[in-house]
N, C-alpha and C. Protein backbone atom coordinates (compact mmCIF):
# COMPACT_ATOMS: atom_id res chain seq x y z
N MET A 1 127.38 48.49 99.84
CA MET A 1 127.08 47.09 99.64
C MET A 1 128.30 46.26 100.01
N ASP A 2 128.04 45.13 100.61
CA ASP A 2 129.06 44.15 100.91
C ASP A 2 129.55 43.54 99.59
N ALA A 3 130.83 43.36 99.43
CA ALA A 3 131.39 42.84 98.17
C ALA A 3 130.82 41.48 97.80
N ALA A 4 130.40 40.70 98.79
CA ALA A 4 129.81 39.38 98.51
C ALA A 4 128.30 39.47 98.30
N GLY A 5 127.72 40.66 98.41
CA GLY A 5 126.28 40.83 98.18
C GLY A 5 125.40 40.37 99.32
N ARG A 6 125.97 40.24 100.52
CA ARG A 6 125.19 39.75 101.66
C ARG A 6 124.33 40.82 102.31
N PHE A 7 124.70 42.08 102.17
CA PHE A 7 123.91 43.16 102.75
C PHE A 7 124.21 44.47 102.03
N SER A 8 123.33 45.44 102.22
CA SER A 8 123.48 46.78 101.66
C SER A 8 123.17 47.80 102.74
N VAL A 9 123.84 48.93 102.71
CA VAL A 9 123.58 50.03 103.64
C VAL A 9 123.07 51.20 102.82
N VAL A 10 121.92 51.73 103.22
CA VAL A 10 121.27 52.80 102.47
C VAL A 10 120.87 53.91 103.44
N ALA A 11 121.14 55.16 103.10
CA ALA A 11 120.66 56.30 103.88
C ALA A 11 119.46 56.88 103.15
N LEU A 12 118.37 57.09 103.88
CA LEU A 12 117.15 57.66 103.30
C LEU A 12 116.85 59.00 103.94
N VAL A 13 116.52 59.98 103.11
CA VAL A 13 116.10 61.29 103.58
C VAL A 13 114.63 61.42 103.23
N TRP A 14 113.81 61.61 104.26
CA TRP A 14 112.36 61.67 104.11
C TRP A 14 111.89 63.11 104.23
N GLY A 15 111.15 63.59 103.25
CA GLY A 15 110.53 64.91 103.34
C GLY A 15 109.32 64.84 104.25
N ALA A 16 108.88 65.99 104.74
CA ALA A 16 107.68 66.04 105.59
C ALA A 16 106.51 65.40 104.84
N GLY A 17 105.84 64.48 105.49
CA GLY A 17 104.68 63.82 104.88
C GLY A 17 105.00 62.66 103.95
N GLN A 18 106.26 62.42 103.66
CA GLN A 18 106.63 61.35 102.73
C GLN A 18 106.41 60.00 103.39
N ALA A 19 105.93 59.01 102.61
CA ALA A 19 105.63 57.69 103.15
C ALA A 19 105.85 56.62 102.09
N THR A 20 106.03 55.40 102.55
CA THR A 20 106.15 54.26 101.65
C THR A 20 104.77 53.67 101.40
N PRO A 21 104.64 52.81 100.42
CA PRO A 21 103.40 52.03 100.32
C PRO A 21 103.39 50.98 101.44
N ILE A 22 102.27 50.36 101.68
CA ILE A 22 102.19 49.24 102.61
C ILE A 22 102.82 48.05 101.91
N ARG A 23 103.80 47.40 102.58
CA ARG A 23 104.51 46.33 101.91
C ARG A 23 105.18 45.42 102.92
N ASP A 24 105.72 44.28 102.42
CA ASP A 24 106.58 43.43 103.22
C ASP A 24 107.90 43.27 102.47
N HIS A 25 108.82 42.54 103.04
CA HIS A 25 110.18 42.50 102.50
C HIS A 25 110.69 41.08 102.28
N VAL A 26 111.65 40.97 101.38
CA VAL A 26 112.28 39.67 101.08
C VAL A 26 113.49 39.41 101.96
N ALA A 27 113.96 40.41 102.67
CA ALA A 27 115.19 40.27 103.46
C ALA A 27 115.02 40.95 104.81
N TRP A 28 115.88 40.59 105.75
CA TRP A 28 115.88 41.27 107.03
C TRP A 28 116.35 42.71 106.85
N CYS A 29 116.01 43.55 107.81
CA CYS A 29 116.42 44.95 107.75
C CYS A 29 116.55 45.50 109.17
N VAL A 30 117.57 46.30 109.38
CA VAL A 30 117.76 47.04 110.63
C VAL A 30 117.74 48.52 110.25
N VAL A 31 116.95 49.31 110.96
CA VAL A 31 116.81 50.73 110.65
C VAL A 31 117.14 51.55 111.88
N GLY A 32 118.00 52.53 111.71
CA GLY A 32 118.31 53.47 112.77
C GLY A 32 117.89 54.86 112.34
N VAL A 33 117.13 55.54 113.18
CA VAL A 33 116.72 56.91 112.88
C VAL A 33 117.85 57.84 113.32
N TYR A 34 118.39 58.57 112.37
CA TYR A 34 119.51 59.47 112.62
C TYR A 34 119.02 60.86 113.03
N GLU A 35 117.99 61.34 112.33
CA GLU A 35 117.47 62.68 112.58
C GLU A 35 115.97 62.68 112.35
N GLY A 36 115.23 63.43 113.14
CA GLY A 36 113.79 63.54 112.95
C GLY A 36 113.04 62.38 113.60
N ARG A 37 111.91 62.04 113.00
CA ARG A 37 111.04 61.01 113.55
C ARG A 37 110.44 60.20 112.41
N GLU A 38 110.43 58.90 112.57
CA GLU A 38 109.74 58.03 111.61
C GLU A 38 108.62 57.32 112.34
N ARG A 39 107.52 57.14 111.64
CA ARG A 39 106.37 56.42 112.17
C ARG A 39 106.25 55.12 111.39
N GLU A 40 106.17 54.01 112.11
CA GLU A 40 105.96 52.72 111.46
C GLU A 40 104.58 52.22 111.82
N ILE A 41 103.77 51.94 110.81
CA ILE A 41 102.43 51.40 110.99
C ILE A 41 102.49 49.94 110.56
N THR A 42 102.16 49.02 111.47
CA THR A 42 102.18 47.60 111.13
C THR A 42 100.76 47.13 110.85
N TYR A 43 100.68 46.07 110.05
CA TYR A 43 99.40 45.54 109.59
C TYR A 43 99.34 44.04 109.78
N ALA A 44 98.12 43.54 109.96
CA ALA A 44 97.88 42.11 110.04
C ALA A 44 97.33 41.65 108.70
N ALA A 45 97.86 40.54 108.22
CA ALA A 45 97.39 39.95 106.97
C ALA A 45 96.07 39.24 107.22
N PRO A 46 95.26 39.03 106.18
CA PRO A 46 94.04 38.25 106.35
C PRO A 46 94.40 36.86 106.89
N PRO A 47 93.56 36.29 107.75
CA PRO A 47 93.87 35.00 108.36
C PRO A 47 94.16 33.90 107.34
N ASP A 48 93.50 33.93 106.20
CA ASP A 48 93.72 32.87 105.20
C ASP A 48 94.87 33.20 104.25
N GLY A 49 95.47 34.39 104.42
CA GLY A 49 96.62 34.76 103.59
C GLY A 49 96.27 35.17 102.18
N SER A 50 94.99 35.24 101.87
CA SER A 50 94.60 35.60 100.51
C SER A 50 94.38 37.10 100.38
N GLY A 51 94.40 37.57 99.17
CA GLY A 51 94.11 38.96 98.90
C GLY A 51 95.23 39.90 99.30
N ASP A 52 95.00 41.17 99.02
CA ASP A 52 96.03 42.16 99.32
C ASP A 52 95.55 43.21 100.31
N GLU A 53 94.37 42.99 100.93
CA GLU A 53 93.89 43.92 101.95
C GLU A 53 94.41 43.51 103.31
N VAL A 54 94.90 44.48 104.07
CA VAL A 54 95.43 44.23 105.40
C VAL A 54 94.76 45.15 106.41
N ILE A 55 94.87 44.80 107.67
CA ILE A 55 94.21 45.53 108.74
C ILE A 55 95.27 46.17 109.63
N ARG A 56 95.08 47.46 109.92
CA ARG A 56 96.04 48.19 110.77
C ARG A 56 96.10 47.53 112.14
N ALA A 57 97.33 47.28 112.61
CA ALA A 57 97.50 46.59 113.89
C ALA A 57 98.12 47.48 114.96
N ALA A 58 99.15 48.25 114.61
CA ALA A 58 99.85 49.05 115.62
C ALA A 58 100.59 50.20 114.96
N VAL A 59 100.90 51.20 115.76
CA VAL A 59 101.69 52.35 115.31
C VAL A 59 102.84 52.53 116.29
N ARG A 60 104.04 52.71 115.75
CA ARG A 60 105.23 52.93 116.58
C ARG A 60 105.92 54.20 116.10
N GLU A 61 106.20 55.10 117.04
CA GLU A 61 106.93 56.32 116.75
C GLU A 61 108.40 56.08 117.07
N CYS A 62 109.29 56.35 116.12
CA CYS A 62 110.72 56.14 116.31
C CYS A 62 111.43 57.48 116.23
N GLU A 63 112.09 57.82 117.32
CA GLU A 63 112.81 59.09 117.42
C GLU A 63 114.28 58.90 117.04
N ALA A 64 114.98 60.00 116.83
CA ALA A 64 116.42 59.94 116.55
C ALA A 64 117.12 59.14 117.63
N GLY A 65 117.98 58.23 117.21
CA GLY A 65 118.71 57.37 118.13
C GLY A 65 118.09 56.00 118.32
N GLU A 66 116.84 55.81 117.90
CA GLU A 66 116.19 54.51 118.06
C GLU A 66 116.50 53.61 116.87
N VAL A 67 116.51 52.31 117.15
CA VAL A 67 116.77 51.29 116.14
C VAL A 67 115.64 50.27 116.17
N VAL A 68 115.16 49.88 115.00
CA VAL A 68 114.13 48.84 114.88
C VAL A 68 114.60 47.82 113.84
N TRP A 69 113.99 46.66 113.82
CA TRP A 69 114.38 45.62 112.87
C TRP A 69 113.14 44.89 112.38
N LEU A 70 113.29 44.21 111.27
CA LEU A 70 112.24 43.33 110.76
C LEU A 70 112.89 42.14 110.07
N ALA A 71 112.14 41.06 110.01
CA ALA A 71 112.64 39.84 109.37
C ALA A 71 111.50 39.21 108.59
N PRO A 72 111.78 38.65 107.42
CA PRO A 72 110.72 38.05 106.62
C PRO A 72 110.14 36.79 107.25
N GLU A 73 110.80 36.22 108.24
CA GLU A 73 110.31 35.00 108.88
C GLU A 73 109.12 35.27 109.80
N ARG A 74 108.91 36.52 110.16
CA ARG A 74 107.75 36.87 110.99
C ARG A 74 106.92 37.88 110.21
N PRO A 75 105.66 38.03 110.56
CA PRO A 75 104.86 39.02 109.82
C PRO A 75 105.54 40.39 109.86
N ASN A 76 105.74 40.98 108.71
CA ASN A 76 106.44 42.26 108.67
C ASN A 76 105.79 43.22 107.68
N ILE A 77 104.48 43.15 107.58
CA ILE A 77 103.76 44.07 106.69
C ILE A 77 103.69 45.42 107.39
N HIS A 78 104.19 46.44 106.71
CA HIS A 78 104.22 47.75 107.35
C HIS A 78 104.30 48.88 106.32
N ARG A 79 104.13 50.07 106.85
CA ARG A 79 104.29 51.31 106.10
C ARG A 79 105.13 52.21 106.98
N VAL A 80 106.05 52.94 106.39
CA VAL A 80 106.89 53.86 107.14
C VAL A 80 106.66 55.26 106.58
N GLU A 81 106.57 56.23 107.49
CA GLU A 81 106.37 57.61 107.05
C GLU A 81 107.15 58.56 107.94
N ASN A 82 107.40 59.73 107.40
CA ASN A 82 108.02 60.78 108.19
C ASN A 82 106.99 61.20 109.23
N GLY A 83 107.32 61.02 110.51
CA GLY A 83 106.39 61.32 111.59
C GLY A 83 106.46 62.74 112.10
N GLY A 84 107.23 63.59 111.44
CA GLY A 84 107.35 64.97 111.88
C GLY A 84 107.03 65.94 110.76
N ASP A 85 107.33 67.22 110.99
CA ASP A 85 107.06 68.22 109.97
C ASP A 85 108.34 68.84 109.39
N SER A 86 109.47 68.16 109.60
CA SER A 86 110.73 68.53 108.95
C SER A 86 111.36 67.24 108.43
N ILE A 87 112.53 67.32 107.83
CA ILE A 87 113.12 66.12 107.25
C ILE A 87 113.45 65.09 108.34
N ALA A 88 113.45 63.84 107.92
CA ALA A 88 113.90 62.73 108.77
C ALA A 88 114.96 61.98 107.97
N ILE A 89 115.97 61.50 108.65
CA ILE A 89 117.04 60.75 108.00
C ILE A 89 117.19 59.42 108.74
N SER A 90 117.23 58.33 107.98
CA SER A 90 117.41 57.02 108.59
C SER A 90 118.43 56.21 107.80
N ILE A 91 119.10 55.32 108.52
CA ILE A 91 120.09 54.42 107.92
C ILE A 91 119.49 53.02 107.94
N HIS A 92 119.45 52.36 106.77
CA HIS A 92 118.86 51.03 106.62
C HIS A 92 119.95 50.04 106.21
N VAL A 93 120.02 48.94 106.91
CA VAL A 93 120.92 47.85 106.53
C VAL A 93 120.03 46.68 106.13
N TYR A 94 120.06 46.33 104.84
CA TYR A 94 119.24 45.26 104.29
C TYR A 94 120.07 44.00 104.08
N GLY A 95 119.48 42.87 104.36
CA GLY A 95 120.17 41.59 104.17
C GLY A 95 120.08 41.07 102.76
N THR A 96 120.34 41.93 101.79
CA THR A 96 120.37 41.56 100.39
C THR A 96 121.15 42.61 99.62
N ASP A 97 121.48 42.31 98.40
CA ASP A 97 122.18 43.24 97.52
C ASP A 97 121.13 44.11 96.83
N ILE A 98 120.87 45.29 97.38
CA ILE A 98 119.83 46.19 96.85
C ILE A 98 120.13 46.60 95.42
N ALA A 99 121.39 46.79 95.07
CA ALA A 99 121.75 47.18 93.70
C ALA A 99 121.32 46.10 92.71
N ARG A 100 121.47 44.84 93.08
CA ARG A 100 121.09 43.74 92.19
C ARG A 100 119.58 43.52 92.22
N ALA A 101 118.98 43.56 93.43
CA ALA A 101 117.55 43.27 93.59
C ALA A 101 116.67 44.44 93.16
N GLY A 102 117.19 45.66 93.20
CA GLY A 102 116.38 46.84 92.87
C GLY A 102 115.74 47.44 94.11
N ASN A 103 115.24 46.60 95.01
CA ASN A 103 114.70 47.00 96.31
C ASN A 103 114.51 45.75 97.14
N SER A 104 113.94 45.89 98.33
CA SER A 104 113.74 44.72 99.18
C SER A 104 112.26 44.38 99.35
N ILE A 105 111.41 44.97 98.53
CA ILE A 105 109.97 44.75 98.65
C ILE A 105 109.57 43.43 98.02
N ARG A 106 108.84 42.61 98.80
CA ARG A 106 108.30 41.36 98.28
C ARG A 106 106.95 41.62 97.60
N ARG A 107 106.07 42.36 98.32
CA ARG A 107 104.70 42.54 97.85
C ARG A 107 104.14 43.82 98.45
N GLU A 108 103.24 44.48 97.72
CA GLU A 108 102.53 45.65 98.25
C GLU A 108 101.10 45.26 98.58
N TYR A 109 100.52 45.98 99.56
CA TYR A 109 99.17 45.69 100.05
C TYR A 109 98.38 46.99 100.09
N ARG A 110 97.10 46.87 100.41
CA ARG A 110 96.27 48.05 100.64
C ARG A 110 95.49 47.87 101.93
N GLU A 111 95.24 48.98 102.61
CA GLU A 111 94.56 48.92 103.89
C GLU A 111 93.07 48.67 103.67
N ALA A 112 92.51 47.74 104.43
CA ALA A 112 91.09 47.43 104.34
C ALA A 112 90.28 48.62 104.83
N ALA A 113 89.17 48.88 104.18
CA ALA A 113 88.29 49.99 104.57
C ALA A 113 87.62 49.67 105.90
N GLY A 114 87.38 50.70 106.66
CA GLY A 114 86.60 50.52 107.87
C GLY A 114 87.37 50.61 109.07
């Protein structure tokens, strides 16, 4: 963590099949895949912004050495999962003090059926 609380650096180790809930974030984030593969599934929010059901929009496979980013100013509803069958390791730099905030999740969603 930055002494002024402006950002935090976190290393995550993902087991095979491990995934996050579908969510968005309160802060910007840059993620670099160090080892293995991570799959990011992005979602579109309902047009009127109501409810917690979202629609799958795209899937991106991120290999070791790739870097992706997200910002709360643009739609950033997503789920991240280990895209391989062995461990994956990623480095996350969040634009907030994770120790103080607890995490960077703003809200969780669920995927619409169908």
